[in-house]
PDB file of N, CA and C in Angstrom:
ATOM      1  N   MET A   1       0.849  -1.173   0.000  1.00  0.00           N
ATOM      2  CA  MET A   1       0.000   0.000   0.000  1.00  0.00           C
ATOM      3  C   MET A   1       0.895   1.237   0.000  1.00  0.00           C
ATOM      4  N   ALA A   2       0.623   2.159  -0.896  1.00  0.00           N
ATOM      5  CA  ALA A   2       1.442   3.367  -1.013  1.00  0.00           C
ATOM      6  C   ALA A   2       1.076   4.356   0.086  1.00  0.00           C
ATOM      7  N   ALA A   3       2.105   4.986   0.597  1.00  0.00           N
ATOM      8  CA  ALA A   3       1.876   5.986   1.640  1.00  0.00           C
ATOM      9  C   ALA A   3       1.430   7.293   1.003  1.00  0.00           C
ATOM     10  N   ARG A   4       0.496   7.950   1.626  1.00  0.00           N
ATOM     11  CA  ARG A   4       0.019   9.237   1.131  1.00  0.00           C
ATOM     12  C   ARG A   4       0.926  10.340   1.635  1.00  0.00           C
ATOM     13  N   ALA A   5       1.050  11.367   0.824  1.00  0.00           N
ATOM     14  CA  ALA A   5       1.841  12.519   1.242  1.00  0.00           C
ATOM     15  C   ALA A   5       1.106  13.208   2.383  1.00  0.00           C
ATOM     16  N   PRO A   6       1.836  13.617   3.399  1.00  0.00           N
ATOM     17  CA  PRO A   6       1.175  14.269   4.534  1.00  0.00           C
ATOM     18  C   PRO A   6       0.557  15.595   4.107  1.00  0.00           C
ATOM     19  N   VAL A   7      -0.664  15.800   4.516  1.00  0.00           N
ATOM     20  CA  VAL A   7      -1.376  17.045   4.233  1.00  0.00           C
ATOM     21  C   VAL A   7      -1.560  17.760   5.556  1.00  0.00           C
ATOM     22  N   SER A   8      -1.126  18.982   5.588  1.00  0.00           N
ATOM     23  CA  SER A   8      -1.204  19.703   6.851  1.00  0.00           C
ATOM     24  C   SER A   8      -2.649  20.058   7.181  1.00  0.00           C
ATOM     25  N   ALA A   9      -2.897  20.208   8.434  1.00  0.00           N
ATOM     26  CA  ALA A   9      -4.228  20.577   8.895  1.00  0.00           C
ATOM     27  C   ALA A   9      -4.613  21.962   8.383  1.00  0.00           C
ATOM     28  N   THR A  10      -3.629  22.822   8.222  1.00  0.00           N
ATOM     29  CA  THR A  10      -3.901  24.172   7.726  1.00  0.00           C
ATOM     30  C   THR A  10      -4.420  24.141   6.301  1.00  0.00           C
ATOM     31  N   SER A  11      -3.828  23.322   5.450  1.00  0.00           N
ATOM     32  CA  SER A  11      -4.279  23.256   4.058  1.00  0.00           C
ATOM     33  C   SER A  11      -5.670  22.633   3.953  1.00  0.00           C
ATOM     34  N   ARG A  12      -5.961  21.648   4.797  1.00  0.00           N
ATOM     35  CA  ARG A  12      -7.313  21.073   4.806  1.00  0.00           C
ATOM     36  C   ARG A  12      -8.328  22.096   5.276  1.00  0.00           C
ATOM     37  N   LEU A  13      -7.961  22.852   6.295  1.00  0.00           N
ATOM     38  CA  LEU A  13      -8.854  23.885   6.813  1.00  0.00           C
ATOM     39  C   LEU A  13      -9.089  24.968   5.762  1.00  0.00           C
ATOM     40  N   LEU A  14      -8.028  25.361   5.075  1.00  0.00           N
ATOM     41  CA  LEU A  14      -8.142  26.368   4.026  1.00  0.00           C
ATOM     42  C   LEU A  14      -9.018  25.865   2.890  1.00  0.00           C
ATOM     43  N   PHE A  15      -8.881  24.601   2.497  1.00  0.00           N
ATOM     44  CA  PHE A  15      -9.730  24.016   1.460  1.00  0.00           C
ATOM     45  C   PHE A  15     -11.194  24.028   1.883  1.00  0.00           C
ATOM     46  N   ARG A  16     -11.459  23.636   3.114  1.00  0.00           N
ATOM     47  CA  ARG A  16     -12.838  23.614   3.607  1.00  0.00           C
ATOM     48  C   ARG A  16     -13.427  25.022   3.660  1.00  0.00           C
ATOM     49  N   PHE A  17     -12.608  25.987   4.075  1.00  0.00           N
ATOM     50  CA  PHE A  17     -13.088  27.364   4.117  1.00  0.00           C
ATOM     51  C   PHE A  17     -13.398  27.868   2.716  1.00  0.00           C
ATOM     52  N   ARG A  18     -12.526  27.599   1.738  1.00  0.00           N
ATOM     53  CA  ARG A  18     -12.760  28.019   0.352  1.00  0.00           C
ATOM     54  C   ARG A  18     -14.033  27.390  -0.191  1.00  0.00           C
ATOM     55  N   LYS A  19     -14.221  26.111   0.099  1.00  0.00           N
ATOM     56  CA  LYS A  19     -15.425  25.417  -0.367  1.00  0.00           C
ATOM     57  C   LYS A  19     -16.672  26.009   0.280  1.00  0.00           C
ATOM     58  N   TRP A  20     -16.601  26.290   1.578  1.00  0.00           N
ATOM     59  CA  TRP A  20     -17.736  26.895   2.270  1.00  0.00           C
ATOM     60  C   TRP A  20     -18.047  28.260   1.673  1.00  0.00           C
ATOM     61  N   TYR A  21     -17.033  29.087   1.458  1.00  0.00           N
ATOM     62  CA  TYR A  21     -17.239  30.427   0.912  1.00  0.00           C
ATOM     63  C   TYR A  21     -17.809  30.354  -0.504  1.00  0.00           C
ATOM     64  N   TYR A  22     -17.331  29.415  -1.296  1.00  0.00           N
ATOM     65  CA  TYR A  22     -17.828  29.223  -2.659  1.00  0.00           C
ATOM     66  C   TYR A  22     -19.327  28.950  -2.629  1.00  0.00           C
ATOM     67  N   ASN A  23     -19.755  28.073  -1.721  1.00  0.00           N
ATOM     68  CA  ASN A  23     -21.176  27.754  -1.614  1.00  0.00           C
ATOM     69  C   ASN A  23     -21.974  28.891  -0.987  1.00  0.00           C
ATOM     70  N   ALA A  24     -21.377  29.616  -0.055  1.00  0.00           N
ATOM     71  CA  ALA A  24     -22.076  30.718   0.605  1.00  0.00           C
ATOM     72  C   ALA A  24     -22.288  31.905  -0.328  1.00  0.00           C
ATOM     73  N   ALA A  25     -21.411  32.060  -1.323  1.00  0.00           N
ATOM     74  CA  ALA A  25     -21.537  33.184  -2.260  1.00  0.00           C
ATOM     75  C   ALA A  25     -22.851  33.095  -3.034  1.00  0.00           C
ATOM     76  N   GLY A  26     -23.304  31.908  -3.338  1.00  0.00           N
ATOM     77  CA  GLY A  26     -24.620  31.723  -3.943  1.00  0.00           C
ATOM     78  C   GLY A  26     -24.657  31.669  -5.453  1.00  0.00           C
ATOM     79  N   PHE A  27     -23.611  32.112  -6.131  1.00  0.00           N
ATOM     80  CA  PHE A  27     -23.667  32.099  -7.589  1.00  0.00           C
ATOM     81  C   PHE A  27     -23.689  30.684  -8.151  1.00  0.00           C
ATOM     82  N   ASN A  28     -23.152  29.723  -7.395  1.00  0.00           N
ATOM     83  CA  ASN A  28     -23.150  28.340  -7.868  1.00  0.00           C
ATOM     84  C   ASN A  28     -24.560  27.760  -7.910  1.00  0.00           C
ATOM     85  N   LYS A  29     -25.457  28.287  -7.090  1.00  0.00           N
ATOM     86  CA  LYS A  29     -26.838  27.800  -7.072  1.00  0.00           C
ATOM     87  C   LYS A  29     -27.593  28.212  -8.327  1.00  0.00           C
ATOM     88  N   LEU A  30     -27.045  29.202  -9.042  1.00  0.00           N
ATOM     89  CA  LEU A  30     -27.636  29.654 -10.298  1.00  0.00           C
ATOM     90  C   LEU A  30     -26.907  29.058 -11.498  1.00  0.00           C
ATOM     91  N   GLY A  31     -25.918  28.210 -11.246  1.00  0.00           N
ATOM     92  CA  GLY A  31     -25.179  27.568 -12.320  1.00  0.00           C
ATOM     93  C   GLY A  31     -24.044  28.413 -12.864  1.00  0.00           C
ATOM     94  N   LEU A  32     -23.685  29.479 -12.157  1.00  0.00           N
ATOM     95  CA  LEU A  32     -22.604  30.344 -12.612  1.00  0.00           C
ATOM     96  C   LEU A  32     -21.256  29.847 -12.118  1.00  0.00           C
ATOM     97  N   MET A  33     -20.212  30.232 -12.817  1.00  0.00           N
ATOM     98  CA  MET A  33     -18.843  29.986 -12.375  1.00  0.00           C
ATOM     99  C   MET A  33     -18.272  31.298 -11.843  1.00  0.00           C
ATOM    100  N   ARG A  34     -17.170  31.217 -11.137  1.00  0.00           N
ATOM    101  CA  ARG A  34     -16.571  32.415 -10.556  1.00  0.00           C
ATOM    102  C   ARG A  34     -16.245  33.456 -11.615  1.00  0.00           C
ATOM    103  N   ASP A  35     -15.704  33.025 -12.748  1.00  0.00           N
ATOM    104  CA  ASP A  35     -15.326  33.970 -13.796  1.00  0.00           C
ATOM    105  C   ASP A  35     -16.533  34.633 -14.452  1.00  0.00           C
ATOM    106  N   ASP A  36     -17.725  34.062 -14.280  1.00  0.00           N
ATOM    107  CA  ASP A  36     -18.939  34.686 -14.811  1.00  0.00           C
ATOM    108  C   ASP A  36     -19.335  35.912 -13.996  1.00  0.00           C
ATOM    109  N   THR A  37     -18.821  36.017 -12.774  1.00  0.00           N
ATOM    110  CA  THR A  37     -19.249  37.088 -11.869  1.00  0.00           C
ATOM    111  C   THR A  37     -18.243  38.230 -11.767  1.00  0.00           C
ATOM    112  N   ILE A  38     -17.172  38.180 -12.544  1.00  0.00           N
ATOM    113  CA  ILE A  38     -16.142  39.226 -12.486  1.00  0.00           C
ATOM    114  C   ILE A  38     -16.690  40.518 -13.078  1.00  0.00           C
ATOM    115  N   TYR A  39     -16.422  41.646 -12.405  1.00  0.00           N
ATOM    116  CA  TYR A  39     -16.833  42.952 -12.907  1.00  0.00           C
ATOM    117  C   TYR A  39     -16.147  43.224 -14.240  1.00  0.00           C
ATOM    118  N   GLU A  40     -16.909  43.672 -15.217  1.00  0.00           N
ATOM    119  CA  GLU A  40     -16.384  43.846 -16.570  1.00  0.00           C
ATOM    120  C   GLU A  40     -15.789  45.238 -16.767  1.00  0.00           C
ATOM    121  N   ASP A  41     -14.510  45.374 -16.455  1.00  0.00           N
ATOM    122  CA  ASP A  41     -13.790  46.613 -16.775  1.00  0.00           C
ATOM    123  C   ASP A  41     -13.162  46.440 -18.157  1.00  0.00           C
ATOM    124  N   SER A  42     -12.336  47.364 -18.573  1.00  0.00           N
ATOM    125  CA  SER A  42     -11.774  47.309 -19.929  1.00  0.00           C
ATOM    126  C   SER A  42     -10.888  46.079 -20.136  1.00  0.00           C
ATOM    127  N   ASP A  43     -10.134  45.681 -19.117  1.00  0.00           N
ATOM    128  CA  ASP A  43      -9.286  44.487 -19.245  1.00  0.00           C
ATOM    129  C   ASP A  43     -10.130  43.228 -19.412  1.00  0.00           C
ATOM    130  N   VAL A  44     -11.175  43.115 -18.625  1.00  0.00           N
ATOM    131  CA  VAL A  44     -12.037  41.932 -18.699  1.00  0.00           C
ATOM    132  C   VAL A  44     -12.765  41.890 -20.037  1.00  0.00           C
ATOM    133  N   LYS A  45     -13.214  43.046 -20.520  1.00  0.00           N
ATOM    134  CA  LYS A  45     -13.895  43.076 -21.820  1.00  0.00           C
ATOM    135  C   LYS A  45     -12.965  42.612 -22.934  1.00  0.00           C
ATOM    136  N   GLU A  46     -11.713  43.007 -22.878  1.00  0.00           N
ATOM    137  CA  GLU A  46     -10.749  42.566 -23.884  1.00  0.00           C
ATOM    138  C   GLU A  46     -10.501  41.064 -23.750  1.00  0.00           C
ATOM    139  N   ALA A  47     -10.407  40.566 -22.531  1.00  0.00           N
ATOM    140  CA  ALA A  47     -10.216  39.128 -22.324  1.00  0.00           C
ATOM    141  C   ALA A  47     -11.425  38.347 -22.841  1.00  0.00           C
ATOM    142  N   LEU A  48     -12.618  38.872 -22.630  1.00  0.00           N
ATOM    143  CA  LEU A  48     -13.822  38.217 -23.137  1.00  0.00           C
ATOM    144  C   LEU A  48     -13.833  38.190 -24.662  1.00  0.00           C
ATOM    145  N   ARG A  49     -13.343  39.244 -25.272  1.00  0.00           N
ATOM    146  CA  ARG A  49     -13.288  39.306 -26.725  1.00  0.00           C
ATOM    147  C   ARG A  49     -12.367  38.226 -27.282  1.00  0.00           C
ATOM    148  N   ARG A  50     -11.352  37.851 -26.515  1.00  0.00           N
ATOM    149  CA  ARG A  50     -10.371  36.863 -26.960  1.00  0.00           C
ATOM    150  C   ARG A  50     -10.788  35.418 -26.688  1.00  0.00           C
ATOM    151  N   LEU A  51     -11.853  35.219 -25.948  1.00  0.00           N
ATOM    152  CA  LEU A  51     -12.297  33.852 -25.643  1.00  0.00           C
ATOM    153  C   LEU A  51     -12.693  33.114 -26.919  1.00  0.00           C
ATOM    154  N   PRO A  52     -12.469  31.807 -26.961  1.00  0.00           N
ATOM    155  CA  PRO A  52     -13.003  31.019 -28.076  1.00  0.00           C
ATOM    156  C   PRO A  52     -14.539  31.130 -28.095  1.00  0.00           C
ATOM    157  N   GLU A  53     -15.121  31.035 -29.269  1.00  0.00           N
ATOM    158  CA  GLU A  53     -16.560  31.261 -29.424  1.00  0.00           C
ATOM    159  C   GLU A  53     -17.395  30.335 -28.550  1.00  0.00           C
ATOM    160  N   GLN A  54     -17.035  29.051 -28.471  1.00  0.00           N
ATOM    161  CA  GLN A  54     -17.820  28.104 -27.678  1.00  0.00           C
ATOM    162  C   GLN A  54     -17.777  28.447 -26.188  1.00  0.00           C
ATOM    163  N   VAL A  55     -16.633  28.839 -25.693  1.00  0.00           N
ATOM    164  CA  VAL A  55     -16.503  29.211 -24.279  1.00  0.00           C
ATOM    165  C   VAL A  55     -17.331  30.467 -24.003  1.00  0.00           C
ATOM    166  N   TYR A  56     -17.272  31.434 -24.922  1.00  0.00           N
ATOM    167  CA  TYR A  56     -18.061  32.670 -24.767  1.00  0.00           C
ATOM    168  C   TYR A  56     -19.560  32.353 -24.792  1.00  0.00           C
ATOM    169  N   ASN A  57     -19.990  31.481 -25.700  1.00  0.00           N
ATOM    170  CA  ASN A  57     -21.411  31.112 -25.780  1.00  0.00           C
ATOM    171  C   ASN A  57     -21.862  30.381 -24.518  1.00  0.00           C
ATOM    172  N   ASP A  58     -21.015  29.511 -23.977  1.00  0.00           N
ATOM    173  CA  ASP A  58     -21.346  28.827 -22.715  1.00  0.00           C
ATOM    174  C   ASP A  58     -21.507  29.828 -21.588  1.00  0.00           C
ATOM    175  N   ARG A  59     -20.639  30.824 -21.543  1.00  0.00           N
ATOM    176  CA  ARG A  59     -20.708  31.871 -20.515  1.00  0.00           C
ATOM    177  C   ARG A  59     -22.023  32.632 -20.634  1.00  0.00           C
ATOM    178  N   MET A  60     -22.371  33.025 -21.855  1.00  0.00           N
ATOM    179  CA  MET A  60     -23.605  33.779 -22.057  1.00  0.00           C
ATOM    180  C   MET A  60     -24.834  32.951 -21.687  1.00  0.00           C
ATOM    181  N   PHE A  61     -24.802  31.647 -21.983  1.00  0.00           N
ATOM    182  CA  PHE A  61     -25.912  30.776 -21.596  1.00  0.00           C
ATOM    183  C   PHE A  61     -26.065  30.744 -20.081  1.00  0.00           C
ATOM    184  N   ARG A  62     -24.944  30.573 -19.373  1.00  0.00           N
ATOM    185  CA  ARG A  62     -25.010  30.524 -17.903  1.00  0.00           C
ATOM    186  C   ARG A  62     -25.543  31.833 -17.330  1.00  0.00           C
ATOM    187  N   ILE A  63     -25.096  32.956 -17.877  1.00  0.00           N
ATOM    188  CA  ILE A  63     -25.533  34.261 -17.371  1.00  0.00           C
ATOM    189  C   ILE A  63     -27.020  34.471 -17.643  1.00  0.00           C
ATOM    190  N   LYS A  64     -27.473  34.146 -18.851  1.00  0.00           N
ATOM    191  CA  LYS A  64     -28.903  34.308 -19.179  1.00  0.00           C
ATOM    192  C   LYS A  64     -29.775  33.398 -18.327  1.00  0.00           C
ATOM    193  N   ARG A  65     -29.318  32.159 -18.112  1.00  0.00           N
ATOM    194  CA  ARG A  65     -30.073  31.237 -17.267  1.00  0.00           C
ATOM    195  C   ARG A  65     -30.146  31.765 -15.835  1.00  0.00           C
ATOM    196  N   ALA A  66     -29.031  32.313 -15.339  1.00  0.00           N
ATOM    197  CA  ALA A  66     -29.007  32.853 -13.976  1.00  0.00           C
ATOM    198  C   ALA A  66     -29.937  34.059 -13.852  1.00  0.00           C
ATOM    199  N   LEU A  67     -29.958  34.924 -14.864  1.00  0.00           N
ATOM    200  CA  LEU A  67     -30.876  36.070 -14.835  1.00  0.00           C
ATOM    201  C   LEU A  67     -32.325  35.608 -14.822  1.00  0.00           C
ATOM    202  N   ASP A  68     -32.637  34.599 -15.621  1.00  0.00           N
ATOM    203  CA  ASP A  68     -33.999  34.062 -15.668  1.00  0.00           C
ATOM    204  C   ASP A  68     -34.387  33.470 -14.317  1.00  0.00           C
ATOM    205  N   LEU A  69     -33.500  32.680 -13.731  1.00  0.00           N
ATOM    206  CA  LEU A  69     -33.780  32.092 -12.418  1.00  0.00           C
ATOM    207  C   LEU A  69     -33.936  33.165 -11.352  1.00  0.00           C
ATOM    208  N   SER A  70     -33.107  34.195 -11.437  1.00  0.00           N
ATOM    209  CA  SER A  70     -33.164  35.271 -10.462  1.00  0.00           C
ATOM    210  C   SER A  70     -34.495  36.026 -10.547  1.00  0.00           C
ATOM    211  N   MET A  71     -34.934  36.275 -11.772  1.00  0.00           N
ATOM    212  CA  MET A  71     -36.218  36.973 -11.938  1.00  0.00           C
ATOM    213  C   MET A  71     -37.372  36.136 -11.413  1.00  0.00           C
ATOM    214  N   LYS A  72     -37.267  34.818 -11.537  1.00  0.00           N
ATOM    215  CA  LYS A  72     -38.311  33.915 -11.035  1.00  0.00           C
ATOM    216  C   LYS A  72     -38.136  33.595  -9.561  1.00  0.00           C
ATOM    217  N   GLN A  73     -37.072  34.115  -8.962  1.00  0.00           N
ATOM    218  CA  GLN A  73     -36.722  33.853  -7.565  1.00  0.00           C
ATOM    219  C   GLN A  73     -36.620  32.352  -7.299  1.00  0.00           C
ATOM    220  N   GLN A  74     -35.880  31.676  -8.191  1.00  0.00           N
ATOM    221  CA  GLN A  74     -35.672  30.235  -8.081  1.00  0.00           C
ATOM    222  C   GLN A  74     -34.180  29.944  -8.139  1.00  0.00           C
ATOM    223  N   VAL A  75     -33.829  28.733  -7.789  1.00  0.00           N
ATOM    224  CA  VAL A  75     -32.458  28.246  -7.964  1.00  0.00           C
ATOM    225  C   VAL A  75     -32.530  26.913  -8.702  1.00  0.00           C
ATOM    226  N   LEU A  76     -31.405  26.490  -9.241  1.00  0.00           N
ATOM    227  CA  LEU A  76     -31.340  25.211  -9.932  1.00  0.00           C
ATOM    228  C   LEU A  76     -31.486  24.059  -8.943  1.00  0.00           C
ATOM    229  N   PRO A  77     -31.887  22.883  -9.423  1.00  0.00           N
ATOM    230  CA  PRO A  77     -31.856  21.710  -8.550  1.00  0.00           C
ATOM    231  C   PRO A  77     -30.419  21.461  -8.087  1.00  0.00           C
ATOM    232  N   ARG A  78     -30.257  20.940  -6.901  1.00  0.00           N
ATOM    233  CA  ARG A  78     -28.937  20.793  -6.281  1.00  0.00           C
ATOM    234  C   ARG A  78     -27.946  20.021  -7.162  1.00  0.00           C
ATOM    235  N   ASP A  79     -28.416  19.063  -7.938  1.00  0.00           N
ATOM    236  CA  ASP A  79     -27.491  18.289  -8.774  1.00  0.00           C
ATOM    237  C   ASP A  79     -26.955  19.100  -9.961  1.00  0.00           C
ATOM    238  N   GLN A  80     -27.530  20.271 -10.232  1.00  0.00           N
ATOM    239  CA  GLN A  80     -27.063  21.118 -11.325  1.00  0.00           C
ATOM    240  C   GLN A  80     -26.229  22.302 -10.834  1.00  0.00           C
ATOM    241  N   TRP A  81     -26.039  22.434  -9.533  1.00  0.00           N
ATOM    242  CA  TRP A  81     -25.213  23.511  -9.005  1.00  0.00           C
ATOM    243  C   TRP A  81     -23.772  23.326  -9.467  1.00  0.00           C
ATOM    244  N   THR A  82     -23.076  24.430  -9.648  1.00  0.00           N
ATOM    245  CA  THR A  82     -21.652  24.365  -9.964  1.00  0.00           C
ATOM    246  C   THR A  82     -20.912  23.935  -8.703  1.00  0.00           C
ATOM    247  N   LYS A  83     -20.063  22.932  -8.828  1.00  0.00           N
ATOM    248  CA  LYS A  83     -19.337  22.412  -7.668  1.00  0.00           C
ATOM    249  C   LYS A  83     -17.942  23.024  -7.590  1.00  0.00           C
ATOM    250  N   TYR A  84     -17.482  23.255  -6.385  1.00  0.00           N
ATOM    251  CA  TYR A  84     -16.166  23.855  -6.162  1.00  0.00           C
ATOM    252  C   TYR A  84     -15.065  23.010  -6.804  1.00  0.00           C
ATOM    253  N   GLU A  85     -15.179  21.714  -6.695  1.00  0.00           N
ATOM    254  CA  GLU A  85     -14.155  20.825  -7.231  1.00  0.00           C
ATOM    255  C   GLU A  85     -14.109  20.851  -8.758  1.00  0.00           C
ATOM    256  N   GLU A  86     -15.212  21.218  -9.401  1.00  0.00           N
ATOM    257  CA  GLU A  86     -15.299  21.228 -10.865  1.00  0.00           C
ATOM    258  C   GLU A  86     -15.118  22.617 -11.461  1.00  0.00           C
ATOM    259  N   GLU A  87     -14.830  23.590 -10.618  1.00  0.00           N
ATOM    260  CA  GLU A  87     -14.677  24.978 -11.083  1.00  0.00           C
ATOM    261  C   GLU A  87     -13.504  25.092 -12.053  1.00  0.00           C
ATOM    262  N   VAL A  88     -13.730  25.779 -13.165  1.00  0.00           N
ATOM    263  CA  VAL A  88     -12.703  26.019 -14.173  1.00  0.00           C
ATOM    264  C   VAL A  88     -12.549  27.530 -14.317  1.00  0.00           C
ATOM    265  N   TYR A  89     -11.334  28.022 -14.139  1.00  0.00           N
ATOM    266  CA  TYR A  89     -11.078  29.456 -14.297  1.00  0.00           C
ATOM    267  C   TYR A  89     -10.738  29.712 -15.760  1.00  0.00           C
ATOM    268  N   TYR A  90     -11.778  29.746 -16.595  1.00  0.00           N
ATOM    269  CA  TYR A  90     -11.585  29.839 -18.038  1.00  0.00           C
ATOM    270  C   TYR A  90     -11.114  31.212 -18.496  1.00  0.00           C
ATOM    271  N   LEU A  91     -11.406  32.245 -17.756  1.00  0.00           N
ATOM    272  CA  LEU A  91     -11.066  33.606 -18.169  1.00  0.00           C
ATOM    273  C   LEU A  91      -9.693  34.049 -17.671  1.00  0.00           C
ATOM    274  N   GLU A  92      -9.218  33.438 -16.622  1.00  0.00           N
ATOM    275  CA  GLU A  92      -7.990  33.872 -15.957  1.00  0.00           C
ATOM    276  C   GLU A  92      -6.763  33.941 -16.870  1.00  0.00           C
ATOM    277  N   PRO A  93      -6.480  32.930 -17.701  1.00  0.00           N
ATOM    278  CA  PRO A  93      -5.286  33.045 -18.554  1.00  0.00           C
ATOM    279  C   PRO A  93      -5.383  34.202 -19.551  1.00  0.00           C
ATOM    280  N   TYR A  94      -6.563  34.421 -20.096  1.00  0.00           N
ATOM    281  CA  TYR A  94      -6.752  35.528 -21.035  1.00  0.00           C
ATOM    282  C   TYR A  94      -6.623  36.873 -20.326  1.00  0.00           C
ATOM    283  N   LEU A  95      -7.168  36.944 -19.117  1.00  0.00           N
ATOM    284  CA  LEU A  95      -7.099  38.187 -18.348  1.00  0.00           C
ATOM    285  C   LEU A  95      -5.667  38.512 -17.950  1.00  0.00           C
ATOM    286  N   LYS A  96      -4.913  37.509 -17.542  1.00  0.00           N
ATOM    287  CA  LYS A  96      -3.502  37.737 -17.195  1.00  0.00           C
ATOM    288  C   LYS A  96      -2.724  38.249 -18.400  1.00  0.00           C
ATOM    289  N   GLU A  97      -3.010  37.697 -19.566  1.00  0.00           N
ATOM    290  CA  GLU A  97      -2.323  38.129 -20.786  1.00  0.00           C
ATOM    291  C   GLU A  97      -2.670  39.578 -21.128  1.00  0.00           C
ATOM    292  N   VAL A  98      -3.937  39.944 -20.993  1.00  0.00           N
ATOM    293  CA  VAL A  98      -4.371  41.316 -21.286  1.00  0.00           C
ATOM    294  C   VAL A  98      -3.718  42.297 -20.318  1.00  0.00           C
ATOM    295  N   VAL A  99      -3.685  41.971 -19.043  1.00  0.00           N
ATOM    296  CA  VAL A  99      -3.072  42.844 -18.042  1.00  0.00           C
ATOM    297  C   VAL A  99      -1.573  42.978 -18.303  1.00  0.00           C
ATOM    298  N   ARG A 100      -0.924  41.876 -18.632  1.00  0.00           N
ATOM    299  CA  ARG A 100       0.505  41.920 -18.948  1.00  0.00           C
ATOM    300  C   ARG A 100       0.770  42.816 -20.151  1.00  0.00           C
ATOM    301  N   GLU A 101      -0.047  42.702 -21.189  1.00  0.00           N
ATOM    302  CA  GLU A 101       0.121  43.541 -22.374  1.00  0.00           C
ATOM    303  C   GLU A 101      -0.119  45.016 -22.069  1.00  0.00           C
ATOM    304  N   ARG A 102      -1.136  45.292 -21.229  1.00  0.00           N
ATOM    305  CA  ARG A 102      -1.428  46.679 -20.860  1.00  0.00           C
ATOM    306  C   ARG A 102      -0.263  47.292 -20.084  1.00  0.00           C
ATOM    307  N   LYS A 103       0.281  46.528 -19.140  1.00  0.00           N
ATOM    308  CA  LYS A 103       1.425  47.024 -18.362  1.00  0.00           C
ATOM    309  C   LYS A 103       2.640  47.241 -19.247  1.00  0.00           C
ATOM    310  N   GLU A 104       2.832  46.360 -20.216  1.00  0.00           N
ATOM    311  CA  GLU A 104       3.946  46.509 -21.144  1.00  0.00           C
ATOM    312  C   GLU A 104       3.780  47.780 -21.989  1.00  0.00           C
ATOM    313  N   LYS A 105       2.557  48.044 -22.440  1.00  0.00           N
ATOM    314  CA  LYS A 105       2.290  49.265 -23.214  1.00  0.00           C
ATOM    315  C   LYS A 105       2.542  50.509 -22.351  1.00  0.00           C
ATOM    316  N   GLU A 106       2.145  50.451 -21.081  1.00  0.00           N
ATOM    317  CA  GLU A 106       2.383  51.586 -20.179  1.00  0.00           C
ATOM    318  C   GLU A 106       3.861  51.819 -19.977  1.00  0.00           C
ATOM    319  N   GLU A 107       4.619  50.738 -19.856  1.00  0.00           N
ATOM    320  CA  GLU A 107       6.074  50.879 -19.704  1.00  0.00           C
ATOM    321  C   GLU A 107       6.690  51.505 -20.950  1.00  0.00           C
ATOM    322  N   TRP A 108       6.246  51.088 -22.124  1.00  0.00           N
ATOM    323  CA  TRP A 108       6.784  51.652 -23.368  1.00  0.00           C
ATOM    324  C   TRP A 108       6.393  53.105 -23.523  1.00  0.00           C
ATOM    325  N   SER A 109       5.209  53.464 -23.074  1.00  0.00           N
ATOM    326  CA  SER A 109       4.781  54.860 -23.226  1.00  0.00           C
ATOM    327  C   SER A 109       5.529  55.793 -22.257  1.00  0.00           C
ATOM    328  N   LYS A 110       6.068  55.262 -21.173  1.00  0.00           N
ATOM    329  CA  LYS A 110       6.858  56.066 -20.233  1.00  0.00           C
ATOM    330  C   LYS A 110       8.208  56.443 -20.824  1.00  0.00           C
ATOM    331  N   LYS A 111       8.723  55.611 -21.716  1.00  0.00           N
ATOM    332  CA  LYS A 111      10.064  55.828 -22.259  1.00  0.00           C
ATOM    333  C   LYS A 111      10.084  56.844 -23.359  1.00  0.00           C
TER     334      LYS A 111
END
């Protein structure tokens, strides 16, 4: 039997806290992902423009479904909630690239 790597109590506690906060935020009950709830400033809008079409369409479907559920004051059945373990940060790599490019442009404009 293979020995498991020791996991500190702090990391388990931090995982449980993150999972609790994810569920307490409530957006998962509407089928949204974390990246669906990011405030759309100019960097985020540019990152959204760069998303592949299918990923963008999936995002729009989730947002429209959440708006519909919200207007009806309903939530999805529990088996359709977004789970913390299945969360995908689909926008993050694009957003990091946009921010990096913006900072690079600012550095060039200073010179």
